[in-house]
C-alpha atoms as a PDB file:
ATOM      1  CA  MET A   1      80.859 104.204  92.362  1.00  0.00           C
ATOM      2  CA  ALA A   2      79.864 100.457  92.756  1.00  0.00           C
ATOM      3  CA  THR A   3      83.559  99.516  92.407  1.00  0.00           C
ATOM      4  CA  ILE A   4      84.540 101.846  95.214  1.00  0.00           C
ATOM      5  CA  GLU A   5      81.797 100.467  97.448  1.00  0.00           C
ATOM      6  CA  GLN A   6      82.970  96.911  96.706  1.00  0.00           C
ATOM      7  CA  LEU A   7      86.541  97.866  97.596  1.00  0.00           C
ATOM      8  CA  LYS A   8      85.294  99.392 100.867  1.00  0.00           C
ATOM      9  CA  PHE A   9      83.280  96.192 101.537  1.00  0.00           C
ATOM     10  CA  ALA A  10      86.320  93.930 100.811  1.00  0.00           C
ATOM     11  CA  ARG A  11      88.407  95.907 103.276  1.00  0.00           C
ATOM     12  CA  MET A  12      85.538  95.801 105.895  1.00  0.00           C
ATOM     13  CA  TYR A  13      85.637  91.967 105.482  1.00  0.00           C
ATOM     14  CA  THR A  14      89.435  91.830 105.754  1.00  0.00           C
ATOM     15  CA  MET A  15      89.390  93.860 109.011  1.00  0.00           C
ATOM     16  CA  GLY A  16      86.695  91.528 110.316  1.00  0.00           C
ATOM     17  CA  ARG A  17      88.870  88.486 109.712  1.00  0.00           C
ATOM     18  CA  LEU A  18      91.799  90.315 111.371  1.00  0.00           C
ATOM     19  CA  SER A  19      89.735  91.075 114.446  1.00  0.00           C
ATOM     20  CA  GLN A  20      89.367  87.364 114.897  1.00  0.00           C
ATOM     21  CA  ALA A  21      93.060  86.637 114.582  1.00  0.00           C
ATOM     22  CA  LYS A  22      94.838  86.022 117.912  1.00  0.00           C
ATOM     23  CA  GLU A  23      98.024  88.088 118.516  1.00  0.00           C
ATOM     24  CA  ASP A  24     100.236  85.137 118.405  1.00  0.00           C
ATOM     25  CA  ALA A  25      98.702  83.602 115.233  1.00  0.00           C
ATOM     26  CA  TRP A  26     100.018  86.229 112.919  1.00  0.00           C
ATOM     27  CA  ASP A  27     103.353  84.379 112.164  1.00  0.00           C
ATOM     28  CA  LYS A  28     102.151  80.737 112.326  1.00  0.00           C
ATOM     29  CA  GLN A  29     102.157  78.896 109.023  1.00  0.00           C
ATOM     30  CA  PRO A  30     100.000  75.652 109.296  1.00  0.00           C
ATOM     31  CA  MET A  31     100.671  72.712 106.934  1.00  0.00           C
ATOM     32  CA  GLY A  32      99.153  73.462 103.571  1.00  0.00           C
ATOM     33  CA  PHE A  33      99.433  77.193 103.624  1.00  0.00           C
ATOM     34  CA  ASN A  34     102.018  79.020 101.644  1.00  0.00           C
ATOM     35  CA  ASN A  35     102.241  82.064 103.991  1.00  0.00           C
ATOM     36  CA  THR A  36     101.142  83.659 107.270  1.00  0.00           C
ATOM     37  CA  ILE A  37      98.508  86.152 108.310  1.00  0.00           C
ATOM     38  CA  ARG A  38     101.061  88.772 108.497  1.00  0.00           C
ATOM     39  CA  TRP A  39     102.251  88.139 104.908  1.00  0.00           C
ATOM     40  CA  ASN A  40      98.686  88.225 103.638  1.00  0.00           C
ATOM     41  CA  VAL A  41      97.938  91.500 105.350  1.00  0.00           C
ATOM     42  CA  GLY A  42     101.073  93.064 103.966  1.00  0.00           C
ATOM     43  CA  HIS A  43     100.405  91.721 100.605  1.00  0.00           C
ATOM     44  CA  ILE A  44      96.872  93.000 100.494  1.00  0.00           C
ATOM     45  CA  TYR A  45      98.218  96.450 101.502  1.00  0.00           C
ATOM     46  CA  CYS A  46     101.117  96.494  99.038  1.00  0.00           C
ATOM     47  CA  THR A  47      99.171  95.144  96.120  1.00  0.00           C
ATOM     48  CA  LEU A  48      96.512  97.896  96.334  1.00  0.00           C
ATOM     49  CA  GLU A  49      99.229 100.511  96.691  1.00  0.00           C
ATOM     50  CA  SER A  50     100.874  99.177  93.558  1.00  0.00           C
ATOM     51  CA  PHE A  51      97.740  98.788  91.515  1.00  0.00           C
ATOM     52  CA  THR A  52      96.574 102.339  92.417  1.00  0.00           C
ATOM     53  CA  SER A  53      99.820 103.972  91.645  1.00  0.00           C
ATOM     54  CA  THR A  54     100.218 102.043  88.340  1.00  0.00           C
ATOM     55  CA  VAL A  55      96.811 103.255  87.039  1.00  0.00           C
ATOM     56  CA  LEU A  56      97.014 106.706  88.740  1.00  0.00           C
ATOM     57  CA  PRO A  57     100.568 108.032  88.345  1.00  0.00           C
ATOM     58  CA  THR A  58      99.676 111.039  90.658  1.00  0.00           C
ATOM     59  CA  TYR A  59      98.952 108.555  93.553  1.00  0.00           C
ATOM     60  CA  LYS A  60     101.928 108.374  95.916  1.00  0.00           C
ATOM     61  CA  PRO A  61     102.166 104.916  97.401  1.00  0.00           C
ATOM     62  CA  GLN A  62     103.158 104.621 101.091  1.00  0.00           C
ATOM     63  CA  HIS A  63     105.410 102.096 102.697  1.00  0.00           C
ATOM     64  CA  GLN A  64     107.171 101.189  99.498  1.00  0.00           C
ATOM     65  CA  GLU A  65     109.961  99.552 101.621  1.00  0.00           C
ATOM     66  CA  TRP A  66     107.352  96.776 102.499  1.00  0.00           C
ATOM     67  CA  GLN A  67     107.187  95.614  98.819  1.00  0.00           C
ATOM     68  CA  ALA A  68     110.470  93.573  99.411  1.00  0.00           C
ATOM     69  CA  LEU A  69     108.643  91.695 102.217  1.00  0.00           C
ATOM     70  CA  PHE A  70     105.049  91.325 100.705  1.00  0.00           C
ATOM     71  CA  ALA A  71     105.295  91.393  96.871  1.00  0.00           C
ATOM     72  CA  ARG A  72     104.169  88.408  94.916  1.00  0.00           C
ATOM     73  CA  GLY A  73     106.702  85.565  95.174  1.00  0.00           C
ATOM     74  CA  THR A  74     107.984  86.690  98.608  1.00  0.00           C
ATOM     75  CA  SER A  75     107.748  84.490 101.688  1.00  0.00           C
ATOM     76  CA  PRO A  76     108.236  84.958 105.461  1.00  0.00           C
ATOM     77  CA  VAL A  77     110.867  82.264 105.308  1.00  0.00           C
ATOM     78  CA  ASN A  78     113.156  84.673 103.477  1.00  0.00           C
ATOM     79  CA  TRP A  79     112.513  87.778 105.556  1.00  0.00           C
ATOM     80  CA  GLU A  80     115.524  89.527 106.992  1.00  0.00           C
ATOM     81  CA  GLY A  81     115.454  92.486 109.439  1.00  0.00           C
ATOM     82  CA  GLN A  82     112.499  94.274 110.779  1.00  0.00           C
ATOM     83  CA  VAL A  83     108.978  93.425 109.639  1.00  0.00           C
ATOM     84  CA  PRO A  84     105.897  95.590 110.362  1.00  0.00           C
ATOM     85  CA  SER A  85     104.000  94.795 113.629  1.00  0.00           C
ATOM     86  CA  ASN A  86     100.447  93.692 113.609  1.00  0.00           C
ATOM     87  CA  GLU A  87      99.486  97.264 114.787  1.00  0.00           C
ATOM     88  CA  GLU A  88     101.511  98.950 112.070  1.00  0.00           C
ATOM     89  CA  LEU A  89      99.850  96.769 109.297  1.00  0.00           C
ATOM     90  CA  ILE A  90      96.300  97.357 110.604  1.00  0.00           C
ATOM     91  CA  ALA A  91      96.911 101.058 110.917  1.00  0.00           C
ATOM     92  CA  ALA A  92      98.190 101.102 107.323  1.00  0.00           C
ATOM     93  CA  LEU A  93      95.131  99.196 106.096  1.00  0.00           C
ATOM     94  CA  GLU A  94      92.909 101.692 107.958  1.00  0.00           C
ATOM     95  CA  ASP A  95      94.775 104.715 106.549  1.00  0.00           C
ATOM     96  CA  GLN A  96      94.970 103.273 103.024  1.00  0.00           C
ATOM     97  CA  MET A  97      91.302 103.215 102.149  1.00  0.00           C
ATOM     98  CA  PRO A  98      90.541 107.009 102.387  1.00  0.00           C
ATOM     99  CA  ARG A  99      93.656 107.799 100.372  1.00  0.00           C
ATOM    100  CA  VAL A 100      92.789 105.324  97.572  1.00  0.00           C
ATOM    101  CA  VAL A 101      89.174 106.249  97.530  1.00  0.00           C
ATOM    102  CA  GLU A 102      90.156 110.013  97.157  1.00  0.00           C
ATOM    103  CA  ALA A 103      92.432 109.108  94.316  1.00  0.00           C
ATOM    104  CA  LEU A 104      89.944 106.961  92.511  1.00  0.00           C
ATOM    105  CA  GLU A 105      86.878 109.327  92.657  1.00  0.00           C
ATOM    106  CA  GLY A 106      86.220 110.664  89.240  1.00  0.00           C
ATOM    107  CA  ASN A 107      89.011 108.564  87.755  1.00  0.00           C
ATOM    108  CA  LEU A 108      87.462 105.125  87.392  1.00  0.00           C
ATOM    109  CA  ASP A 109      86.420 105.662  83.744  1.00  0.00           C
ATOM    110  CA  GLN A 110      89.954 106.550  82.602  1.00  0.00           C
ATOM    111  CA  THR A 111      91.456 104.448  79.908  1.00  0.00           C
ATOM    112  CA  LEU A 112      94.899 103.326  80.638  1.00  0.00           C
ATOM    113  CA  PRO A 113      97.659 104.347  78.119  1.00  0.00           C
ATOM    114  CA  GLU A 114      98.672 100.654  78.007  1.00  0.00           C
ATOM    115  CA  PRO A 115      96.374  97.878  79.254  1.00  0.00           C
ATOM    116  CA  LEU A 116      97.442  95.997  82.299  1.00  0.00           C
ATOM    117  CA  LYS A 117      97.778  92.271  81.776  1.00  0.00           C
ATOM    118  CA  ILE A 118      97.712  89.521  84.266  1.00  0.00           C
ATOM    119  CA  GLY A 119      99.372  86.572  82.441  1.00  0.00           C
ATOM    120  CA  ASP A 120      97.739  85.573  79.144  1.00  0.00           C
ATOM    121  CA  MET A 121      94.217  85.452  80.719  1.00  0.00           C
ATOM    122  CA  LEU A 122      93.242  88.935  81.745  1.00  0.00           C
ATOM    123  CA  THR A 123      93.650  92.369  80.109  1.00  0.00           C
ATOM    124  CA  MET A 124      92.387  95.338  81.818  1.00  0.00           C
ATOM    125  CA  GLY A 125      92.066  98.711  79.950  1.00  0.00           C
ATOM    126  CA  THR A 126      90.551 101.044  82.535  1.00  0.00           C
ATOM    127  CA  VAL A 127      91.254 102.167  86.008  1.00  0.00           C
ATOM    128  CA  ASP A 128      87.816 100.638  87.047  1.00  0.00           C
ATOM    129  CA  ALA A 129      88.820  97.234  85.677  1.00  0.00           C
ATOM    130  CA  VAL A 130      92.110  97.247  87.628  1.00  0.00           C
ATOM    131  CA  ILE A 131      90.349  98.269  90.801  1.00  0.00           C
ATOM    132  CA  GLN A 132      87.698  95.505  90.376  1.00  0.00           C
ATOM    133  CA  PHE A 133      90.572  93.152  90.090  1.00  0.00           C
ATOM    134  CA  ALA A 134      92.060  94.519  93.288  1.00  0.00           C
ATOM    135  CA  VAL A 135      88.718  93.828  95.024  1.00  0.00           C
ATOM    136  CA  TRP A 136      88.804  90.255  93.981  1.00  0.00           C
ATOM    137  CA  HIS A 137      92.423  89.990  95.094  1.00  0.00           C
ATOM    138  CA  GLU A 138      91.667  91.331  98.487  1.00  0.00           C
ATOM    139  CA  GLY A 139      88.762  89.067  98.852  1.00  0.00           C
ATOM    140  CA  LEU A 140      90.900  86.096  97.861  1.00  0.00           C
ATOM    141  CA  HIS A 141      93.556  86.917 100.516  1.00  0.00           C
ATOM    142  CA  ALA A 142      91.028  87.763 103.147  1.00  0.00           C
ATOM    143  CA  GLY A 143      89.612  84.197 102.610  1.00  0.00           C
ATOM    144  CA  VAL A 144      93.086  82.847 103.150  1.00  0.00           C
ATOM    145  CA  ILE A 145      93.284  84.827 106.429  1.00  0.00           C
ATOM    146  CA  HIS A 146      89.967  83.331 107.426  1.00  0.00           C
ATOM    147  CA  GLY A 147      91.325  79.844 106.576  1.00  0.00           C
ATOM    148  CA  LEU A 148      94.445  80.511 108.573  1.00  0.00           C
ATOM    149  CA  ASN A 149      92.418  81.673 111.623  1.00  0.00           C
ATOM    150  CA  ARG A 150      90.377  78.404 111.442  1.00  0.00           C
ATOM    151  CA  ALA A 151      93.461  76.307 110.914  1.00  0.00           C
ATOM    152  CA  ILE A 152      95.414  77.914 113.796  1.00  0.00           C
ATOM    153  CA  GLY A 153      92.329  77.906 116.050  1.00  0.00           C
ATOM    154  CA  GLU A 154      90.327  81.027 116.557  1.00  0.00           C
END
Protein backbone atom coordinates (compact mmCIF):
# COMPACT_ATOMS: atom_id res chain seq x y z
CA MET A 1 0.00 0.00 0.00
CA ALA A 2 2.90 2.38 0.58
CA THR A 3 3.62 2.40 -3.15
CA ILE A 4 0.05 3.43 -3.96
CA GLU A 5 0.20 6.22 -1.37
CA GLN A 6 3.47 7.45 -2.88
CA LEU A 7 1.90 7.36 -6.35
CA LYS A 8 -1.00 9.47 -5.10
CA PHE A 9 1.45 11.86 -3.41
CA ALA A 10 3.47 12.25 -6.62
CA ARG A 11 0.29 13.07 -8.53
CA MET A 12 -0.75 15.59 -5.89
CA TYR A 13 2.65 17.26 -6.26
CA THR A 14 2.32 17.28 -10.06
CA MET A 15 -1.13 18.85 -9.86
CA GLY A 16 0.24 21.50 -7.50
CA ARG A 17 2.95 22.43 -10.00
CA LEU A 18 0.33 22.62 -12.75
CA SER A 19 -1.87 24.90 -10.67
CA GLN A 20 1.07 27.35 -10.67
CA ALA A 21 1.53 27.27 -14.44
CA LYS A 22 0.13 30.18 -16.37
CA GLU A 23 -2.16 29.28 -19.26
CA ASP A 24 0.20 30.74 -21.86
CA ALA A 25 3.28 29.00 -20.40
CA TRP A 26 2.34 25.44 -21.37
CA ASP A 27 3.98 25.64 -24.80
CA LYS A 28 7.01 27.78 -24.03
CA GLN A 29 10.40 26.09 -24.14
CA PRO A 30 13.06 28.18 -22.44
CA MET A 31 16.73 27.77 -23.31
CA GLY A 32 18.17 24.73 -21.55
CA PHE A 33 14.92 22.74 -21.49
CA ASN A 34 14.26 19.82 -23.85
CA ASN A 35 10.47 20.11 -23.77
CA THR A 36 7.48 22.11 -22.57
CA ILE A 37 5.02 21.87 -19.71
CA ARG A 38 2.45 20.36 -22.09
CA TRP A 39 4.90 17.67 -23.20
CA ASN A 40 5.89 16.80 -19.61
CA VAL A 41 2.23 16.51 -18.54
CA GLY A 42 1.36 14.28 -21.47
CA HIS A 43 4.51 12.23 -20.91
CA ILE A 44 3.66 11.65 -17.24
CA TYR A 45 0.18 10.52 -18.23
CA CYS A 46 1.23 8.26 -21.11
CA THR A 47 4.10 6.67 -19.20
CA LEU A 48 1.89 5.62 -16.28
CA GLU A 49 -0.69 4.23 -18.71
CA SER A 50 2.05 2.29 -20.47
CA PHE A 51 3.68 0.92 -17.31
CA THR A 52 0.32 -0.09 -15.82
CA SER A 53 -0.86 -1.88 -18.94
CA THR A 54 2.52 -3.59 -19.33
CA VAL A 55 2.49 -5.09 -15.83
CA LEU A 56 -1.28 -5.67 -15.67
CA PRO A 57 -2.51 -6.87 -19.07
CA THR A 58 -6.15 -6.52 -17.97
CA TYR A 59 -5.67 -2.75 -17.55
CA LYS A 60 -7.06 -0.88 -20.54
CA PRO A 61 -5.01 2.26 -21.24
CA GLN A 62 -6.81 5.41 -22.27
CA HIS A 63 -5.74 7.99 -24.86
CA GLN A 64 -3.35 5.66 -26.64
CA GLU A 65 -3.37 8.13 -29.53
CA TRP A 66 -1.35 10.47 -27.31
CA GLN A 67 1.65 8.10 -27.27
CA ALA A 68 2.78 9.51 -30.64
CA LEU A 69 3.00 12.96 -29.03
CA PHE A 70 4.36 12.17 -25.57
CA ALA A 71 6.35 8.93 -25.67
CA ARG A 72 10.04 8.95 -24.81
CA GLY A 73 12.02 10.58 -27.58
CA THR A 74 9.17 12.73 -28.90
CA SER A 75 9.25 16.51 -28.99
CA PRO A 76 6.75 19.33 -29.49
CA VAL A 77 8.96 20.51 -32.35
CA ASN A 78 7.77 17.48 -34.35
CA TRP A 79 4.08 17.60 -33.45
CA GLU A 80 1.58 17.65 -36.27
CA GLY A 81 -2.16 18.06 -35.99
CA GLN A 82 -4.21 18.51 -32.86
CA VAL A 83 -2.60 18.20 -29.43
CA PRO A 84 -4.61 17.88 -26.21
CA SER A 85 -5.55 21.13 -24.48
CA ASN A 86 -4.44 22.01 -20.96
CA GLU A 87 -7.93 21.14 -19.73
CA GLU A 88 -7.92 17.74 -21.47
CA LEU A 89 -4.54 16.84 -20.00
CA ILE A 90 -5.48 17.94 -16.48
CA ALA A 91 -8.76 16.00 -16.69
CA ALA A 92 -6.86 12.94 -17.92
CA LEU A 93 -4.44 13.15 -14.98
CA GLU A 94 -7.36 13.49 -12.54
CA ASP A 95 -9.25 10.55 -14.08
CA GLN A 96 -6.19 8.35 -14.33
CA MET A 97 -5.33 7.94 -10.67
CA PRO A 98 -8.55 6.19 -9.53
CA ARG A 99 -8.36 3.80 -12.51
CA VAL A 100 -4.72 2.95 -11.88
CA VAL A 101 -5.20 2.56 -8.13
CA GLU A 102 -8.16 0.23 -8.67
CA ALA A 103 -6.10 -1.89 -11.06
CA LEU A 104 -3.12 -2.03 -8.71
CA GLU A 105 -4.94 -2.89 -5.49
CA GLY A 106 -4.15 -6.48 -4.58
CA ASN A 107 -1.73 -6.87 -7.49
CA LEU A 108 1.46 -5.16 -6.33
CA ASP A 109 3.06 -8.42 -5.19
CA GLN A 110 2.59 -10.11 -8.57
CA THR A 111 5.78 -11.36 -10.17
CA LEU A 112 6.13 -10.35 -13.81
CA PRO A 113 6.37 -13.20 -16.34
CA GLU A 114 9.45 -11.42 -17.68
CA PRO A 115 11.28 -8.72 -15.75
CA LEU A 116 11.04 -5.18 -17.11
CA LYS A 117 14.43 -3.64 -17.83
CA ILE A 118 15.40 -0.01 -18.09
CA GLY A 119 18.69 -0.08 -19.96
CA ASP A 120 21.38 -2.23 -18.36
CA MET A 121 21.04 -0.58 -14.97
CA LEU A 122 17.59 -1.50 -13.67
CA THR A 123 15.63 -4.75 -13.72
CA MET A 124 12.17 -4.86 -12.11
CA GLY A 125 10.50 -8.18 -11.41
CA THR A 126 7.24 -7.23 -9.69
CA VAL A 127 4.31 -4.91 -10.31
CA ASP A 128 5.34 -3.04 -7.15
CA ALA A 129 8.87 -2.40 -8.45
CA VAL A 130 7.57 -1.00 -11.74
CA ILE A 131 5.09 1.29 -10.01
CA GLN A 132 7.81 2.50 -7.64
CA PHE A 133 9.79 3.42 -10.74
CA ALA A 134 6.70 5.19 -12.11
CA VAL A 135 6.53 7.23 -8.87
CA TRP A 136 10.14 8.29 -9.32
CA HIS A 137 9.49 9.06 -13.00
CA GLU A 138 6.51 11.28 -12.21
CA GLY A 139 8.46 13.12 -9.53
CA LEU A 140 11.29 13.73 -11.97
CA HIS A 141 8.98 15.25 -14.59
CA ALA A 142 7.01 17.22 -11.98
CA GLY A 143 10.35 18.73 -10.99
CA VAL A 144 10.97 19.70 -14.62
CA ILE A 145 7.51 21.31 -14.70
CA HIS A 146 8.47 23.25 -11.56
CA GLY A 147 11.70 24.36 -13.25
CA LEU A 148 9.82 25.40 -16.38
CA ASN A 149 7.38 27.42 -14.25
CA ARG A 150 10.30 29.23 -12.64
CA ALA A 151 12.18 29.79 -15.89
CA ILE A 152 9.11 31.14 -17.65
CA GLY A 153 8.07 33.23 -14.66
CA GLU A 154 5.35 32.07 -12.33
